Amino acid sequence: MPKSPIPDDQERVVIATGKLIGEGFDDARLDTLFLVHPISWSGTLQ
């Protein structure tokens, strides 16, 4: 059963790896992008 598209007036969140979405992904309805990457830190934040 195909999934129905999200209506234009509904909020949406896309969570994916670069490998999954790939270069050139475009969805004109998305207006914010968070680029995240895991890091290793031995210090503390104050």
Protein backbone atom coordinates (compact mmCIF):
# COMPACT_ATOMS: atom_id res chain seq x y z
CA MET A 1 0.00 0.00 0.00
CA PRO A 2 1.65 3.31 -1.06
CA LYS A 3 1.99 6.02 1.56
CA SER A 4 -0.06 9.15 0.98
CA PRO A 5 1.93 12.39 0.55
CA ILE A 6 2.04 14.87 3.42
CA PRO A 7 -0.26 17.82 2.67
CA ASP A 8 1.50 21.16 2.06
CA ASP A 9 -0.04 22.70 5.19
CA GLN A 10 1.39 20.01 7.53
CA GLU A 11 4.80 20.24 9.22
CA ARG A 12 7.35 17.60 8.28
CA VAL A 13 10.68 16.32 9.55
CA VAL A 14 13.15 14.35 7.45
CA ILE A 15 15.83 12.37 9.27
CA ALA A 16 18.29 10.55 7.03
CA THR A 17 21.95 9.88 6.42
CA GLY A 18 23.78 11.50 3.54
CA LYS A 19 24.17 8.07 2.02
CA LEU A 20 20.40 7.51 2.10
CA ILE A 21 19.28 10.90 0.75
CA GLY A 22 22.37 11.53 -1.34
CA GLU A 23 23.71 14.53 -3.17
CA GLY A 24 21.12 16.58 -5.00
CA PHE A 25 18.16 15.85 -2.70
CA ASP A 26 15.60 18.63 -3.06
CA ASP A 27 12.25 19.15 -1.38
CA ALA A 28 11.09 22.74 -1.93
CA ARG A 29 8.78 22.53 1.11
CA LEU A 30 11.69 22.11 3.54
CA ASP A 31 13.03 25.45 4.79
CA THR A 32 15.49 24.47 7.55
CA LEU A 33 18.53 22.20 7.54
CA PHE A 34 20.48 20.89 10.53
CA LEU A 35 23.82 19.28 9.70
CA VAL A 36 24.93 17.10 12.60
CA HIS A 37 27.93 14.91 13.12
CA PRO A 38 28.96 12.77 16.09
CA ILE A 39 32.01 14.04 17.96
CA SER A 40 34.21 12.76 20.76
CA TRP A 41 34.93 15.16 23.63
CA SER A 42 36.88 14.50 26.81
CA GLY A 43 36.32 17.97 28.37
CA THR A 44 33.29 19.59 29.98
CA LEU A 45 31.09 22.50 28.94
CA GLN A 46 30.50 25.34 31.40
